[in-house]
Protein backbone atom coordinates (compact mmCIF):
# COMPACT_ATOMS: atom_id res chain seq x y z
CA MET A 1 0.00 0.00 0.00
CA ARG A 2 1.26 3.45 -0.93
CA GLN A 3 -0.16 6.71 0.31
CA ALA A 4 0.20 10.40 -0.42
CA LEU A 5 -0.82 13.53 1.43
CA ILE A 6 -2.63 15.84 -0.97
CA LYS A 7 -2.21 19.53 -0.25
CA TYR A 8 -4.23 22.42 -1.61
CA ASN A 9 -1.76 25.31 -1.57
CA THR A 10 -0.18 24.74 1.86
CA VAL A 11 -3.24 23.15 3.50
CA ASP A 12 -3.45 19.38 4.06
CA ALA A 13 -6.55 18.42 2.07
CA GLY A 14 -6.71 14.64 1.84
CA ILE A 15 -5.08 11.23 1.56
CA LEU A 16 -4.66 9.33 -1.68
CA THR A 17 -4.13 5.59 -1.21
CA GLU A 18 -3.16 2.87 -3.65
CA THR A 19 -4.14 -0.44 -2.07
CA ASP A 20 -2.22 -3.68 -2.52
CA GLN A 21 -5.04 -4.79 -4.84
CA GLY A 22 -4.44 -1.79 -7.13
CA THR A 23 -7.52 0.19 -6.11
CA TYR A 24 -7.22 3.94 -5.54
CA ILE A 25 -9.00 5.71 -2.70
CA PHE A 26 -9.15 9.44 -2.02
CA ASP A 27 -10.48 10.80 1.26
CA TYR A 28 -10.64 14.43 2.33
CA LEU A 29 -9.27 15.02 5.83
CA PRO A 30 -11.91 15.84 8.51
CA ALA A 31 -10.24 19.18 9.36
CA TYR A 32 -10.28 20.16 5.67
CA ILE A 33 -13.95 19.20 5.31
CA GLU A 34 -14.84 21.32 8.32
CA ARG A 35 -12.77 24.36 7.39
CA TYR A 36 -13.07 24.34 3.58
CA PRO A 37 -16.37 22.61 2.69
CA ASN A 38 -16.57 24.32 -0.73
CA GLN A 39 -12.91 24.21 -1.78
CA PHE A 40 -12.75 20.96 -3.73
CA ILE A 41 -9.63 19.54 -5.39
CA THR A 42 -11.52 18.85 -8.63
CA PHE A 43 -15.14 19.15 -9.78
CA GLN A 44 -15.38 15.36 -9.97
CA MET A 45 -14.54 15.06 -6.25
CA PRO A 46 -16.52 17.59 -4.20
CA VAL A 47 -15.58 17.93 -0.55
CA GLY A 48 -17.43 15.40 1.56
CA LYS A 49 -17.06 12.78 4.27
CA HIS A 50 -17.49 9.90 1.82
CA GLY A 51 -14.38 8.66 0.07
CA TYR A 52 -13.82 8.21 -3.63
CA GLN A 53 -12.70 4.86 -5.04
CA SER A 54 -11.48 3.84 -8.49
CA LYS A 55 -9.79 0.91 -10.19
CA ARG A 56 -7.51 3.42 -11.97
CA LEU A 57 -5.67 6.48 -10.75
CA PHE A 58 -8.18 9.34 -10.72
CA PRO A 59 -7.84 11.41 -13.93
CA PHE A 60 -7.13 14.61 -12.00
CA PHE A 61 -4.11 13.09 -10.25
CA ASP A 62 -2.94 11.33 -13.42
CA GLY A 63 -2.99 14.73 -15.12
CA LEU A 64 -0.40 16.04 -12.64
CA ILE A 65 2.20 13.56 -13.89
CA PRO A 66 4.68 15.02 -16.39
CA GLU A 67 4.47 14.07 -20.05
CA GLY A 68 6.82 13.80 -23.01
CA TRP A 69 10.52 14.50 -22.54
CA LEU A 70 10.03 15.43 -18.87
CA LEU A 71 8.36 12.06 -18.23
CA ASN A 72 11.32 10.35 -19.93
CA ILE A 73 13.76 12.19 -17.67
CA ALA A 74 11.74 11.26 -14.58
CA THR A 75 11.44 7.58 -15.49
CA ASP A 76 15.14 7.33 -16.38
CA SER A 77 16.36 9.25 -13.30
CA TRP A 78 14.22 7.44 -10.73
CA LYS A 79 14.03 4.10 -12.58
CA ILE A 80 10.22 4.15 -12.48
CA ASN A 81 8.14 2.33 -15.05
CA GLN A 82 5.91 4.73 -17.05
CA ASN A 83 2.93 2.50 -16.16
CA ASP A 84 3.55 2.96 -12.41
CA ARG A 85 1.33 6.03 -12.18
CA MET A 86 1.31 6.19 -8.35
CA GLY A 87 5.10 5.89 -8.28
CA LEU A 88 5.43 8.73 -10.76
CA LEU A 89 2.91 10.83 -8.85
CA LEU A 90 4.84 10.33 -5.60
CA ALA A 91 8.21 11.05 -7.23
CA CYS A 92 7.33 14.00 -9.47
CA CYS A 93 4.42 15.95 -8.01
CA GLN A 94 5.58 17.50 -4.76
CA ASN A 95 6.09 20.83 -6.46
CA CYS A 96 3.87 20.85 -9.52
CA ILE A 97 2.27 23.80 -11.26
CA GLY A 98 -1.03 24.81 -9.69
CA ALA A 99 -2.52 24.68 -6.22
CA VAL A 100 -2.37 20.91 -5.65
CA SER A 101 0.74 19.02 -4.57
CA VAL A 102 1.38 15.38 -3.70
CA HIS A 103 3.62 14.35 -0.79
CA PRO A 104 4.60 10.75 -0.06
CA LEU A 105 3.45 9.32 3.27
CA LYS A 106 5.05 6.49 5.14
CA GLN A 107 2.47 3.89 6.19
CA ASN A 108 2.23 4.99 9.84
CA GLU A 109 2.69 8.73 9.25
CA ASN A 110 -1.03 9.54 8.90
CA GLU A 111 -2.15 7.60 11.97
């Protein structure tokens, strides 16, 4: 299982999880839901207490991953397969363009 802390600007917004079965789950953090109930990460995932689940990486997060020559540099530098979308997200998206950033979590860090 791999997890990432999703930040909106500098605010901790939610947790993205890739399970060992390959399912992706996104949950907004309770503090974020309470403080920013209308500040969603993407239109497809409004802020709410229910989680979002998908068999593929959510399109919004997949869109944060570099493309083209920059993707080639990332995969060559970090030895990550281009099909390992969560691995690329964790490696490349801590400082991406826009308000959302992705920060790797160790398994016990969010408990």
